[in-house]
């Protein structure tokens, strides 16, 4: 179960990263980034820090899924996956490819919740 959860977090992370790279090709985005205002939001150091922390959580979950004790693993995976679903809506989709990446990422996160919820503690006896 631990390996599956780690792989699912890698899947989610790759979707987030590829979507962000893919967005760089959206007409006008680089100009918005250079102006410091993206989608009508002023980009501040605090906003960048919050974004960095929110992106660090799935990265951290790749490792924590392998090392946390059973109960901590189960509830941390569920909690971070729910938080990640909520944060995916902070940047609403602007076009069809954004919708595709959003759906794919949410499917990955829902699968993490399902796997973690259904996981059973294995005795080492």
PDB file of N, CA and C in Angstrom:
ATOM      1  N   UNK A   1       0.818  -1.192   0.000  1.00  0.00           N
ATOM      2  CA  UNK A   1       0.000   0.000   0.000  1.00  0.00           C
ATOM      3  C   UNK A   1       0.869   1.265   0.000  1.00  0.00           C
ATOM      4  N   UNK A   2       1.941   1.249   0.777  1.00  0.00           N
ATOM      5  CA  UNK A   2       2.816   2.427   0.866  1.00  0.00           C
ATOM      6  C   UNK A   2       3.386   2.805  -0.504  1.00  0.00           C
ATOM      7  N   UNK A   3       3.824   1.794  -1.242  1.00  0.00           N
ATOM      8  CA  UNK A   3       4.412   2.053  -2.566  1.00  0.00           C
ATOM      9  C   UNK A   3       3.363   2.621  -3.509  1.00  0.00           C
ATOM     10  N   UNK A   4       2.154   2.077  -3.470  1.00  0.00           N
ATOM     11  CA  UNK A   4       1.084   2.586  -4.323  1.00  0.00           C
ATOM     12  C   UNK A   4       0.789   4.049  -4.007  1.00  0.00           C
ATOM     13  N   UNK A   5       0.727   4.376  -2.726  1.00  0.00           N
ATOM     14  CA  UNK A   5       0.456   5.761  -2.341  1.00  0.00           C
ATOM     15  C   UNK A   5       1.577   6.686  -2.822  1.00  0.00           C
ATOM     16  N   UNK A   6       2.818   6.274  -2.664  1.00  0.00           N
ATOM     17  CA  UNK A   6       3.941   7.091  -3.142  1.00  0.00           C
ATOM     18  C   UNK A   6       3.863   7.307  -4.651  1.00  0.00           C
ATOM     19  N   UNK A   7       3.587   6.225  -5.386  1.00  0.00           N
ATOM     20  CA  UNK A   7       3.467   6.351  -6.850  1.00  0.00           C
ATOM     21  C   UNK A   7       2.315   7.266  -7.232  1.00  0.00           C
ATOM     22  N   UNK A   8       1.208   7.177  -6.514  1.00  0.00           N
ATOM     23  CA  UNK A   8       0.081   8.067  -6.808  1.00  0.00           C
ATOM     24  C   UNK A   8       0.444   9.527  -6.547  1.00  0.00           C
ATOM     25  N   UNK A   9       1.215   9.793  -5.494  1.00  0.00           N
ATOM     26  CA  UNK A   9       1.658  11.163  -5.233  1.00  0.00           C
ATOM     27  C   UNK A   9       2.588  11.652  -6.341  1.00  0.00           C
ATOM     28  N   UNK A  10       3.443  10.769  -6.861  1.00  0.00           N
ATOM     29  CA  UNK A  10       4.299  11.136  -7.996  1.00  0.00           C
ATOM     30  C   UNK A  10       3.427  11.457  -9.209  1.00  0.00           C
ATOM     31  N   UNK A  11       2.395  10.654  -9.453  1.00  0.00           N
ATOM     32  CA  UNK A  11       1.458  10.896 -10.548  1.00  0.00           C
ATOM     33  C   UNK A  11       0.811  12.281 -10.412  1.00  0.00           C
ATOM     34  N   UNK A  12       0.332  12.601  -9.218  1.00  0.00           N
ATOM     35  CA  UNK A  12      -0.291  13.907  -8.969  1.00  0.00           C
ATOM     36  C   UNK A  12       0.724  15.027  -9.202  1.00  0.00           C
ATOM     37  N   UNK A  13       1.919  14.852  -8.655  1.00  0.00           N
ATOM     38  CA  UNK A  13       2.966  15.868  -8.814  1.00  0.00           C
ATOM     39  C   UNK A  13       3.311  16.113 -10.277  1.00  0.00           C
ATOM     40  N   UNK A  14       3.467  15.049 -11.029  1.00  0.00           N
ATOM     41  CA  UNK A  14       3.788  15.204 -12.449  1.00  0.00           C
ATOM     42  C   UNK A  14       2.676  15.931 -13.189  1.00  0.00           C
ATOM     43  N   UNK A  15       1.429  15.652 -12.837  1.00  0.00           N
ATOM     44  CA  UNK A  15       0.318  16.372 -13.458  1.00  0.00           C
ATOM     45  C   UNK A  15       0.375  17.862 -13.144  1.00  0.00           C
ATOM     46  N   UNK A  16       0.686  18.200 -11.903  1.00  0.00           N
ATOM     47  CA  UNK A  16       0.781  19.607 -11.507  1.00  0.00           C
ATOM     48  C   UNK A  16       1.919  20.293 -12.257  1.00  0.00           C
ATOM     49  N   UNK A  17       3.068  19.644 -12.284  1.00  0.00           N
ATOM     50  CA  UNK A  17       4.248  20.234 -12.937  1.00  0.00           C
ATOM     51  C   UNK A  17       4.038  20.373 -14.443  1.00  0.00           C
ATOM     52  N   UNK A  18       3.549  19.322 -15.080  1.00  0.00           N
ATOM     53  CA  UNK A  18       3.344  19.370 -16.532  1.00  0.00           C
ATOM     54  C   UNK A  18       2.289  20.415 -16.887  1.00  0.00           C
ATOM     55  N   UNK A  19       1.238  20.538 -16.076  1.00  0.00           N
ATOM     56  CA  UNK A  19       0.218  21.569 -16.331  1.00  0.00           C
ATOM     57  C   UNK A  19       0.853  22.958 -16.264  1.00  0.00           C
ATOM     58  N   UNK A  20       1.682  23.183 -15.247  1.00  0.00           N
ATOM     59  CA  UNK A  20       2.330  24.496 -15.111  1.00  0.00           C
ATOM     60  C   UNK A  20       3.268  24.775 -16.284  1.00  0.00           C
ATOM     61  N   UNK A  21       4.031  23.790 -16.698  1.00  0.00           N
ATOM     62  CA  UNK A  21       4.913  23.964 -17.862  1.00  0.00           C
ATOM     63  C   UNK A  21       4.072  24.206 -19.114  1.00  0.00           C
ATOM     64  N   UNK A  22       3.018  23.439 -19.257  1.00  0.00           N
ATOM     65  CA  UNK A  22       2.124  23.572 -20.411  1.00  0.00           C
ATOM     66  C   UNK A  22       1.503  24.974 -20.462  1.00  0.00           C
ATOM     67  N   UNK A  23       1.165  25.521 -19.294  1.00  0.00           N
ATOM     68  CA  UNK A  23       0.575  26.868 -19.220  1.00  0.00           C
ATOM     69  C   UNK A  23       1.528  27.951 -19.720  1.00  0.00           C
ATOM     70  N   UNK A  24       2.834  27.704 -19.617  1.00  0.00           N
ATOM     71  CA  UNK A  24       3.797  28.713 -20.071  1.00  0.00           C
ATOM     72  C   UNK A  24       3.628  29.043 -21.556  1.00  0.00           C
ATOM     73  N   UNK A  25       3.001  28.142 -22.293  1.00  0.00           N
ATOM     74  CA  UNK A  25       2.792  28.363 -23.727  1.00  0.00           C
ATOM     75  C   UNK A  25       1.484  29.097 -24.021  1.00  0.00           C
ATOM     76  N   UNK A  26       0.708  29.410 -22.950  1.00  0.00           N
ATOM     77  CA  UNK A  26      -0.518  30.174 -23.141  1.00  0.00           C
ATOM     78  C   UNK A  26      -0.155  31.607 -23.531  1.00  0.00           C
ATOM     79  N   UNK A  27      -0.752  32.090 -24.591  1.00  0.00           N
ATOM     80  CA  UNK A  27      -0.473  33.428 -25.093  1.00  0.00           C
ATOM     81  C   UNK A  27      -0.713  34.462 -23.997  1.00  0.00           C
ATOM     82  N   UNK A  28       0.272  35.292 -23.772  1.00  0.00           N
ATOM     83  CA  UNK A  28       0.155  36.398 -22.821  1.00  0.00           C
ATOM     84  C   UNK A  28       0.593  36.081 -21.406  1.00  0.00           C
ATOM     85  N   UNK A  29       0.786  34.799 -21.077  1.00  0.00           N
ATOM     86  CA  UNK A  29       1.131  34.459 -19.690  1.00  0.00           C
ATOM     87  C   UNK A  29       2.493  35.021 -19.293  1.00  0.00           C
ATOM     88  N   UNK A  30       3.486  34.891 -20.161  1.00  0.00           N
ATOM     89  CA  UNK A  30       4.820  35.396 -19.804  1.00  0.00           C
ATOM     90  C   UNK A  30       4.787  36.899 -19.551  1.00  0.00           C
ATOM     91  N   UNK A  31       3.999  37.624 -20.339  1.00  0.00           N
ATOM     92  CA  UNK A  31       3.870  39.070 -20.124  1.00  0.00           C
ATOM     93  C   UNK A  31       3.212  39.360 -18.776  1.00  0.00           C
ATOM     94  N   UNK A  32       2.197  38.548 -18.423  1.00  0.00           N
ATOM     95  CA  UNK A  32       1.543  38.720 -17.122  1.00  0.00           C
ATOM     96  C   UNK A  32       2.540  38.457 -15.991  1.00  0.00           C
ATOM     97  N   UNK A  33       3.317  37.391 -16.133  1.00  0.00           N
ATOM     98  CA  UNK A  33       4.307  37.056 -15.104  1.00  0.00           C
ATOM     99  C   UNK A  33       5.302  38.199 -14.940  1.00  0.00           C
ATOM    100  N   UNK A  34       5.770  38.741 -16.059  1.00  0.00           N
ATOM    101  CA  UNK A  34       6.737  39.841 -16.000  1.00  0.00           C
ATOM    102  C   UNK A  34       6.136  41.094 -15.378  1.00  0.00           C
ATOM    103  N   UNK A  35       4.828  41.312 -15.566  1.00  0.00           N
ATOM    104  CA  UNK A  35       4.182  42.494 -14.992  1.00  0.00           C
ATOM    105  C   UNK A  35       3.932  42.320 -13.497  1.00  0.00           C
ATOM    106  N   UNK A  36       3.940  41.070 -13.029  1.00  0.00           N
ATOM    107  CA  UNK A  36       3.689  40.804 -11.610  1.00  0.00           C
ATOM    108  C   UNK A  36       2.214  40.643 -11.290  1.00  0.00           C
ATOM    109  N   UNK A  37       1.364  40.646 -12.312  1.00  0.00           N
ATOM    110  CA  UNK A  37      -0.073  40.452 -12.117  1.00  0.00           C
ATOM    111  C   UNK A  37      -0.519  39.323 -13.041  1.00  0.00           C
ATOM    112  N   UNK A  38      -0.931  38.192 -12.440  1.00  0.00           N
ATOM    113  CA  UNK A  38      -1.339  37.023 -13.215  1.00  0.00           C
ATOM    114  C   UNK A  38      -2.803  36.726 -12.891  1.00  0.00           C
ATOM    115  N   UNK A  39      -3.608  36.653 -13.941  1.00  0.00           N
ATOM    116  CA  UNK A  39      -5.056  36.419 -13.798  1.00  0.00           C
ATOM    117  C   UNK A  39      -5.699  37.417 -12.837  1.00  0.00           C
ATOM    118  N   UNK A  40      -5.221  38.638 -12.851  1.00  0.00           N
ATOM    119  CA  UNK A  40      -5.780  39.685 -12.002  1.00  0.00           C
ATOM    120  C   UNK A  40      -5.263  39.682 -10.576  1.00  0.00           C
ATOM    121  N   UNK A  41      -4.358  38.767 -10.244  1.00  0.00           N
ATOM    122  CA  UNK A  41      -3.806  38.675  -8.888  1.00  0.00           C
ATOM    123  C   UNK A  41      -2.382  39.211  -8.869  1.00  0.00           C
ATOM    124  N   UNK A  42      -2.105  40.120  -7.945  1.00  0.00           N
ATOM    125  CA  UNK A  42      -0.748  40.622  -7.773  1.00  0.00           C
ATOM    126  C   UNK A  42       0.092  39.545  -7.112  1.00  0.00           C
ATOM    127  N   UNK A  43       1.210  39.226  -7.750  1.00  0.00           N
ATOM    128  CA  UNK A  43       2.094  38.185  -7.224  1.00  0.00           C
ATOM    129  C   UNK A  43       3.022  38.827  -6.187  1.00  0.00           C
ATOM    130  N   UNK A  44       2.878  38.387  -4.942  1.00  0.00           N
ATOM    131  CA  UNK A  44       3.698  38.902  -3.846  1.00  0.00           C
ATOM    132  C   UNK A  44       4.596  37.785  -3.321  1.00  0.00           C
ATOM    133  N   UNK A  45       5.557  38.162  -2.501  1.00  0.00           N
ATOM    134  CA  UNK A  45       6.427  37.159  -1.873  1.00  0.00           C
ATOM    135  C   UNK A  45       5.612  36.203  -1.005  1.00  0.00           C
ATOM    136  N   UNK A  46       4.613  36.745  -0.300  1.00  0.00           N
ATOM    137  CA  UNK A  46       3.776  35.913   0.565  1.00  0.00           C
ATOM    138  C   UNK A  46       2.978  34.899  -0.265  1.00  0.00           C
ATOM    139  N   UNK A  47       2.440  35.352  -1.389  1.00  0.00           N
ATOM    140  CA  UNK A  47       1.691  34.459  -2.268  1.00  0.00           C
ATOM    141  C   UNK A  47       2.601  33.370  -2.834  1.00  0.00           C
ATOM    142  N   UNK A  48       3.825  33.737  -3.193  1.00  0.00           N
ATOM    143  CA  UNK A  48       4.782  32.751  -3.699  1.00  0.00           C
ATOM    144  C   UNK A  48       5.142  31.737  -2.608  1.00  0.00           C
ATOM    145  N   UNK A  49       5.277  32.205  -1.361  1.00  0.00           N
ATOM    146  CA  UNK A  49       5.583  31.296  -0.249  1.00  0.00           C
ATOM    147  C   UNK A  49       4.438  30.314  -0.024  1.00  0.00           C
ATOM    148  N   UNK A  50       3.207  30.817  -0.025  1.00  0.00           N
ATOM    149  CA  UNK A  50       2.039  29.950   0.155  1.00  0.00           C
ATOM    150  C   UNK A  50       1.989  28.915  -0.969  1.00  0.00           C
ATOM    151  N   UNK A  51       2.194  29.351  -2.200  1.00  0.00           N
ATOM    152  CA  UNK A  51       2.210  28.433  -3.339  1.00  0.00           C
ATOM    153  C   UNK A  51       3.306  27.390  -3.207  1.00  0.00           C
ATOM    154  N   UNK A  52       4.478  27.813  -2.730  1.00  0.00           N
ATOM    155  CA  UNK A  52       5.589  26.878  -2.536  1.00  0.00           C
ATOM    156  C   UNK A  52       5.277  25.837  -1.483  1.00  0.00           C
ATOM    157  N   UNK A  53       4.671  26.263  -0.374  1.00  0.00           N
ATOM    158  CA  UNK A  53       4.308  25.326   0.694  1.00  0.00           C
ATOM    159  C   UNK A  53       3.260  24.336   0.186  1.00  0.00           C
ATOM    160  N   UNK A  54       2.253  24.839  -0.538  1.00  0.00           N
ATOM    161  CA  UNK A  54       1.199  23.958  -1.050  1.00  0.00           C
ATOM    162  C   UNK A  54       1.748  22.964  -2.066  1.00  0.00           C
ATOM    163  N   UNK A  55       2.747  23.364  -2.834  1.00  0.00           N
ATOM    164  CA  UNK A  55       3.366  22.435  -3.795  1.00  0.00           C
ATOM    165  C   UNK A  55       4.314  21.464  -3.094  1.00  0.00           C
ATOM    166  N   UNK A  56       4.884  21.895  -1.988  1.00  0.00           N
ATOM    167  CA  UNK A  56       5.795  21.022  -1.239  1.00  0.00           C
ATOM    168  C   UNK A  56       5.058  19.859  -0.582  1.00  0.00           C
ATOM    169  N   UNK A  57       3.790  20.043  -0.251  1.00  0.00           N
ATOM    170  CA  UNK A  57       3.047  18.976   0.429  1.00  0.00           C
ATOM    171  C   UNK A  57       2.994  17.679  -0.386  1.00  0.00           C
ATOM    172  N   UNK A  58       2.607  17.708  -1.677  1.00  0.00           N
ATOM    173  CA  UNK A  58       2.641  16.448  -2.432  1.00  0.00           C
ATOM    174  C   UNK A  58       4.050  15.867  -2.562  1.00  0.00           C
ATOM    175  N   UNK A  59       5.052  16.733  -2.661  1.00  0.00           N
ATOM    176  CA  UNK A  59       6.438  16.252  -2.724  1.00  0.00           C
ATOM    177  C   UNK A  59       6.778  15.513  -1.426  1.00  0.00           C
ATOM    178  N   UNK A  60       6.416  16.111  -0.321  1.00  0.00           N
ATOM    179  CA  UNK A  60       6.664  15.512   0.989  1.00  0.00           C
ATOM    180  C   UNK A  60       5.909  14.193   1.156  1.00  0.00           C
ATOM    181  N   UNK A  61       4.714  14.117   0.587  1.00  0.00           N
ATOM    182  CA  UNK A  61       3.908  12.905   0.729  1.00  0.00           C
ATOM    183  C   UNK A  61       4.517  11.704   0.013  1.00  0.00           C
ATOM    184  N   UNK A  62       5.300  11.937  -1.029  1.00  0.00           N
ATOM    185  CA  UNK A  62       5.989  10.827  -1.701  1.00  0.00           C
ATOM    186  C   UNK A  62       6.855  10.093  -0.677  1.00  0.00           C
ATOM    187  N   UNK A  63       7.527  10.855   0.172  1.00  0.00           N
ATOM    188  CA  UNK A  63       8.420  10.273   1.182  1.00  0.00           C
ATOM    189  C   UNK A  63       7.638   9.805   2.412  1.00  0.00           C
ATOM    190  N   UNK A  64       6.746  10.674   2.920  1.00  0.00           N
ATOM    191  CA  UNK A  64       6.021  10.323   4.141  1.00  0.00           C
ATOM    192  C   UNK A  64       5.169   9.068   3.969  1.00  0.00           C
ATOM    193  N   UNK A  65       4.659   8.835   2.771  1.00  0.00           N
ATOM    194  CA  UNK A  65       3.856   7.632   2.523  1.00  0.00           C
ATOM    195  C   UNK A  65       4.652   6.359   2.781  1.00  0.00           C
ATOM    196  N   UNK A  66       5.958   6.455   2.669  1.00  0.00           N
ATOM    197  CA  UNK A  66       6.811   5.295   2.895  1.00  0.00           C
ATOM    198  C   UNK A  66       7.193   5.112   4.363  1.00  0.00           C
ATOM    199  N   UNK A  67       7.219   6.196   5.135  1.00  0.00           N
ATOM    200  CA  UNK A  67       7.839   6.117   6.459  1.00  0.00           C
ATOM    201  C   UNK A  67       6.919   6.364   7.650  1.00  0.00           C
ATOM    202  N   UNK A  68       5.767   6.983   7.445  1.00  0.00           N
ATOM    203  CA  UNK A  68       4.883   7.233   8.582  1.00  0.00           C
ATOM    204  C   UNK A  68       4.304   5.921   9.110  1.00  0.00           C
ATOM    205  N   UNK A  69       4.054   5.838  10.413  1.00  0.00           N
ATOM    206  CA  UNK A  69       3.367   4.656  10.939  1.00  0.00           C
ATOM    207  C   UNK A  69       1.950   4.579  10.359  1.00  0.00           C
ATOM    208  N   UNK A  70       1.328   3.408  10.437  1.00  0.00           N
ATOM    209  CA  UNK A  70       0.080   3.134   9.730  1.00  0.00           C
ATOM    210  C   UNK A  70      -0.983   4.220   9.913  1.00  0.00           C
ATOM    211  N   UNK A  71      -1.370   4.502  11.150  1.00  0.00           N
ATOM    212  CA  UNK A  71      -2.460   5.473  11.371  1.00  0.00           C
ATOM    213  C   UNK A  71      -2.072   6.865  10.880  1.00  0.00           C
ATOM    214  N   UNK A  72      -0.853   7.277  11.164  1.00  0.00           N
ATOM    215  CA  UNK A  72      -0.390   8.585  10.694  1.00  0.00           C
ATOM    216  C   UNK A  72      -0.362   8.645   9.180  1.00  0.00           C
ATOM    217  N   UNK A  73       0.053   7.550   8.556  1.00  0.00           N
ATOM    218  CA  UNK A  73       0.122   7.461   7.100  1.00  0.00           C
ATOM    219  C   UNK A  73      -1.272   7.601   6.499  1.00  0.00           C
ATOM    220  N   UNK A  74      -2.205   6.836   7.051  1.00  0.00           N
ATOM    221  CA  UNK A  74      -3.575   6.841   6.539  1.00  0.00           C
ATOM    222  C   UNK A  74      -4.175   8.243   6.600  1.00  0.00           C
ATOM    223  N   UNK A  75      -4.140   8.860   7.769  1.00  0.00           N
ATOM    224  CA  UNK A  75      -4.818  10.150   7.956  1.00  0.00           C
ATOM    225  C   UNK A  75      -4.066  11.307   7.320  1.00  0.00           C
ATOM    226  N   UNK A  76      -2.748  11.222   7.246  1.00  0.00           N
ATOM    227  CA  UNK A  76      -1.985  12.272   6.581  1.00  0.00           C
ATOM    228  C   UNK A  76      -2.257  12.248   5.080  1.00  0.00           C
ATOM    229  N   UNK A  77      -2.279  11.053   4.492  1.00  0.00           N
ATOM    230  CA  UNK A  77      -2.590  10.936   3.061  1.00  0.00           C
ATOM    231  C   UNK A  77      -3.978  11.478   2.761  1.00  0.00           C
ATOM    232  N   UNK A  78      -4.960  11.118   3.581  1.00  0.00           N
ATOM    233  CA  UNK A  78      -6.327  11.596   3.358  1.00  0.00           C
ATOM    234  C   UNK A  78      -6.393  13.115   3.518  1.00  0.00           C
ATOM    235  N   UNK A  79      -5.808  13.625   4.586  1.00  0.00           N
ATOM    236  CA  UNK A  79      -5.861  15.068   4.852  1.00  0.00           C
ATOM    237  C   UNK A  79      -5.171  15.901   3.780  1.00  0.00           C
ATOM    238  N   UNK A  80      -3.969  15.498   3.393  1.00  0.00           N
ATOM    239  CA  UNK A  80      -3.225  16.257   2.384  1.00  0.00           C
ATOM    240  C   UNK A  80      -3.897  16.137   1.015  1.00  0.00           C
ATOM    241  N   UNK A  81      -4.474  14.978   0.716  1.00  0.00           N
ATOM    242  CA  UNK A  81      -5.182  14.824  -0.566  1.00  0.00           C
ATOM    243  C   UNK A  81      -6.410  15.733  -0.607  1.00  0.00           C
ATOM    244  N   UNK A  82      -7.159  15.826   0.491  1.00  0.00           N
ATOM    245  CA  UNK A  82      -8.323  16.723   0.537  1.00  0.00           C
ATOM    246  C   UNK A  82      -7.865  18.169   0.386  1.00  0.00           C
ATOM    247  N   UNK A  83      -6.825  18.556   1.117  1.00  0.00           N
ATOM    248  CA  UNK A  83      -6.295  19.925   0.992  1.00  0.00           C
ATOM    249  C   UNK A  83      -5.831  20.197  -0.434  1.00  0.00           C
ATOM    250  N   UNK A  84      -5.197  19.210  -1.056  1.00  0.00           N
ATOM    251  CA  UNK A  84      -4.720  19.380  -2.433  1.00  0.00           C
ATOM    252  C   UNK A  84      -5.878  19.532  -3.419  1.00  0.00           C
ATOM    253  N   UNK A  85      -6.969  18.802  -3.190  1.00  0.00           N
ATOM    254  CA  UNK A  85      -8.148  18.968  -4.045  1.00  0.00           C
ATOM    255  C   UNK A  85      -8.672  20.393  -3.923  1.00  0.00           C
ATOM    256  N   UNK A  86      -8.760  20.879  -2.696  1.00  0.00           N
ATOM    257  CA  UNK A  86      -9.256  22.243  -2.482  1.00  0.00           C
ATOM    258  C   UNK A  86      -8.354  23.277  -3.145  1.00  0.00           C
ATOM    259  N   UNK A  87      -7.039  23.073  -3.071  1.00  0.00           N
ATOM    260  CA  UNK A  87      -6.118  24.052  -3.650  1.00  0.00           C
ATOM    261  C   UNK A  87      -6.089  24.011  -5.167  1.00  0.00           C
ATOM    262  N   UNK A  88      -6.516  22.898  -5.776  1.00  0.00           N
ATOM    263  CA  UNK A  88      -6.546  22.862  -7.242  1.00  0.00           C
ATOM    264  C   UNK A  88      -7.558  23.862  -7.786  1.00  0.00           C
ATOM    265  N   UNK A  89      -8.531  24.227  -6.969  1.00  0.00           N
ATOM    266  CA  UNK A  89      -9.549  25.187  -7.418  1.00  0.00           C
ATOM    267  C   UNK A  89      -9.146  26.635  -7.153  1.00  0.00           C
ATOM    268  N   UNK A  90      -7.977  26.858  -6.537  1.00  0.00           N
ATOM    269  CA  UNK A  90      -7.492  28.228  -6.331  1.00  0.00           C
ATOM    270  C   UNK A  90      -7.133  28.876  -7.665  1.00  0.00           C
ATOM    271  N   UNK A  91      -6.754  28.058  -8.633  1.00  0.00           N
ATOM    272  CA  UNK A  91      -6.404  28.542  -9.962  1.00  0.00           C
ATOM    273  C   UNK A  91      -7.372  27.891 -10.948  1.00  0.00           C
ATOM    274  N   UNK A  92      -8.575  28.489 -11.120  1.00  0.00           N
ATOM    275  CA  UNK A  92      -9.596  27.829 -11.939  1.00  0.00           C
ATOM    276  C   UNK A  92      -9.147  27.618 -13.381  1.00  0.00           C
ATOM    277  N   UNK A  93      -9.670  26.566 -14.016  1.00  0.00           N
ATOM    278  CA  UNK A  93      -9.273  26.273 -15.399  1.00  0.00           C
ATOM    279  C   UNK A  93      -9.674  27.402 -16.348  1.00  0.00           C
ATOM    280  N   UNK A  94      -8.775  27.671 -17.306  1.00  0.00           N
ATOM    281  CA  UNK A  94      -9.017  28.737 -18.278  1.00  0.00           C
ATOM    282  C   UNK A  94      -9.351  28.191 -19.656  1.00  0.00           C
ATOM    283  N   UNK A  95      -9.011  26.935 -19.893  1.00  0.00           N
ATOM    284  CA  UNK A  95      -9.272  26.345 -21.202  1.00  0.00           C
ATOM    285  C   UNK A  95      -9.386  24.828 -21.062  1.00  0.00           C
ATOM    286  N   UNK A  96      -9.602  24.145 -22.189  1.00  0.00           N
ATOM    287  CA  UNK A  96      -9.861  22.697 -22.157  1.00  0.00           C
ATOM    288  C   UNK A  96      -8.703  21.892 -21.584  1.00  0.00           C
ATOM    289  N   UNK A  97      -7.470  22.276 -21.904  1.00  0.00           N
ATOM    290  CA  UNK A  97      -6.345  21.496 -21.370  1.00  0.00           C
ATOM    291  C   UNK A  97      -6.229  21.679 -19.865  1.00  0.00           C
ATOM    292  N   UNK A  98      -6.574  22.857 -19.332  1.00  0.00           N
ATOM    293  CA  UNK A  98      -6.578  23.050 -17.882  1.00  0.00           C
ATOM    294  C   UNK A  98      -7.628  22.147 -17.230  1.00  0.00           C
ATOM    295  N   UNK A  99      -8.783  22.034 -17.865  1.00  0.00           N
ATOM    296  CA  UNK A  99      -9.838  21.159 -17.351  1.00  0.00           C
ATOM    297  C   UNK A  99      -9.354  19.709 -17.349  1.00  0.00           C
ATOM    298  N   UNK A 100      -8.684  19.303 -18.425  1.00  0.00           N
ATOM    299  CA  UNK A 100      -8.145  17.942 -18.516  1.00  0.00           C
ATOM    300  C   UNK A 100      -7.166  17.667 -17.374  1.00  0.00           C
ATOM    301  N   UNK A 101      -6.195  18.575 -17.143  1.00  0.00           N
ATOM    302  CA  UNK A 101      -5.217  18.378 -16.073  1.00  0.00           C
ATOM    303  C   UNK A 101      -5.886  18.410 -14.704  1.00  0.00           C
ATOM    304  N   UNK A 102      -6.891  19.273 -14.528  1.00  0.00           N
ATOM    305  CA  UNK A 102      -7.614  19.356 -13.261  1.00  0.00           C
ATOM    306  C   UNK A 102      -8.317  18.033 -12.965  1.00  0.00           C
ATOM    307  N   UNK A 103      -9.020  17.501 -13.955  1.00  0.00           N
ATOM    308  CA  UNK A 103      -9.736  16.234 -13.772  1.00  0.00           C
ATOM    309  C   UNK A 103      -8.755  15.100 -13.476  1.00  0.00           C
ATOM    310  N   UNK A 104      -7.672  15.043 -14.225  1.00  0.00           N
ATOM    311  CA  UNK A 104      -6.680  13.986 -14.035  1.00  0.00           C
ATOM    312  C   UNK A 104      -6.055  14.055 -12.639  1.00  0.00           C
ATOM    313  N   UNK A 105      -5.725  15.257 -12.196  1.00  0.00           N
ATOM    314  CA  UNK A 105      -5.132  15.437 -10.871  1.00  0.00           C
ATOM    315  C   UNK A 105      -6.124  15.050  -9.781  1.00  0.00           C
ATOM    316  N   UNK A 106      -7.370  15.470  -9.930  1.00  0.00           N
ATOM    317  CA  UNK A 106      -8.382  15.143  -8.920  1.00  0.00           C
ATOM    318  C   UNK A 106      -8.642  13.642  -8.879  1.00  0.00           C
ATOM    319  N   UNK A 107      -8.639  12.976 -10.021  1.00  0.00           N
ATOM    320  CA  UNK A 107      -8.794  11.513 -10.030  1.00  0.00           C
ATOM    321  C   UNK A 107      -7.650  10.868  -9.242  1.00  0.00           C
ATOM    322  N   UNK A 108      -6.428  11.342  -9.454  1.00  0.00           N
ATOM    323  CA  UNK A 108      -5.284  10.825  -8.695  1.00  0.00           C
ATOM    324  C   UNK A 108      -5.452  11.048  -7.199  1.00  0.00           C
ATOM    325  N   UNK A 109      -5.904  12.249  -6.809  1.00  0.00           N
ATOM    326  CA  UNK A 109      -6.081  12.564  -5.392  1.00  0.00           C
ATOM    327  C   UNK A 109      -7.222  11.757  -4.773  1.00  0.00           C
ATOM    328  N   UNK A 110      -8.310  11.578  -5.522  1.00  0.00           N
ATOM    329  CA  UNK A 110      -9.413  10.757  -5.014  1.00  0.00           C
ATOM    330  C   UNK A 110      -8.979   9.292  -4.865  1.00  0.00           C
ATOM    331  N   UNK A 111      -8.118   8.834  -5.760  1.00  0.00           N
ATOM    332  CA  UNK A 111      -7.597   7.466  -5.661  1.00  0.00           C
ATOM    333  C   UNK A 111      -6.726   7.326  -4.415  1.00  0.00           C
ATOM    334  N   UNK A 112      -5.939   8.358  -4.111  1.00  0.00           N
ATOM    335  CA  UNK A 112      -5.133   8.347  -2.876  1.00  0.00           C
ATOM    336  C   UNK A 112      -6.050   8.241  -1.664  1.00  0.00           C
ATOM    337  N   UNK A 113      -7.113   9.044  -1.639  1.00  0.00           N
ATOM    338  CA  UNK A 113      -8.057   9.004  -0.514  1.00  0.00           C
ATOM    339  C   UNK A 113      -8.672   7.613  -0.397  1.00  0.00           C
ATOM    340  N   UNK A 114      -9.093   7.050  -1.510  1.00  0.00           N
ATOM    341  CA  UNK A 114      -9.713   5.721  -1.509  1.00  0.00           C
ATOM    342  C   UNK A 114      -8.739   4.654  -1.013  1.00  0.00           C
ATOM    343  N   UNK A 115      -7.517   4.649  -1.544  1.00  0.00           N
ATOM    344  CA  UNK A 115      -6.521   3.652  -1.121  1.00  0.00           C
ATOM    345  C   UNK A 115      -6.187   3.807   0.362  1.00  0.00           C
ATOM    346  N   UNK A 116      -5.986   5.041   0.807  1.00  0.00           N
ATOM    347  CA  UNK A 116      -5.645   5.267   2.216  1.00  0.00           C
ATOM    348  C   UNK A 116      -6.814   4.851   3.110  1.00  0.00           C
ATOM    349  N   UNK A 117      -8.031   5.175   2.716  1.00  0.00           N
ATOM    350  CA  UNK A 117      -9.218   4.848   3.504  1.00  0.00           C
ATOM    351  C   UNK A 117      -9.389   3.332   3.644  1.00  0.00           C
ATOM    352  N   UNK A 118      -9.147   2.619   2.540  1.00  0.00           N
ATOM    353  CA  UNK A 118      -9.346   1.174   2.534  1.00  0.00           C
ATOM    354  C   UNK A 118      -8.163   0.383   3.086  1.00  0.00           C
ATOM    355  N   UNK A 119      -7.070   1.063   3.391  1.00  0.00           N
ATOM    356  CA  UNK A 119      -5.864   0.350   3.832  1.00  0.00           C
ATOM    357  C   UNK A 119      -6.103  -0.294   5.197  1.00  0.00           C
ATOM    358  N   UNK A 120      -5.523  -1.447   5.356  1.00  0.00           N
ATOM    359  CA  UNK A 120      -5.606  -2.212   6.612  1.00  0.00           C
ATOM    360  C   UNK A 120      -4.202  -2.380   7.168  1.00  0.00           C
ATOM    361  N   UNK A 121      -4.099  -2.267   8.479  1.00  0.00           N
ATOM    362  CA  UNK A 121      -2.797  -2.438   9.118  1.00  0.00           C
ATOM    363  C   UNK A 121      -2.367  -3.893   9.010  1.00  0.00           C
ATOM    364  N   UNK A 122      -1.120  -4.088   8.590  1.00  0.00           N
ATOM    365  CA  UNK A 122      -0.573  -5.434   8.437  1.00  0.00           C
ATOM    366  C   UNK A 122       0.299  -5.728   9.644  1.00  0.00           C
ATOM    367  N   UNK A 123       0.052  -6.852  10.271  1.00  0.00           N
ATOM    368  CA  UNK A 123       0.839  -7.260  11.436  1.00  0.00           C
ATOM    369  C   UNK A 123       2.178  -7.830  10.965  1.00  0.00           C
ATOM    370  N   UNK A 124       3.247  -7.535  11.696  1.00  0.00           N
ATOM    371  CA  UNK A 124       4.578  -8.054  11.352  1.00  0.00           C
ATOM    372  C   UNK A 124       4.894  -9.351  12.096  1.00  0.00           C
ATOM    373  N   UNK A 125       3.886 -10.004  12.639  1.00  0.00           N
ATOM    374  CA  UNK A 125       4.119 -11.234  13.416  1.00  0.00           C
ATOM    375  C   UNK A 125       4.273 -12.423  12.523  1.00  0.00           C
TER     376      UNK A 125
END
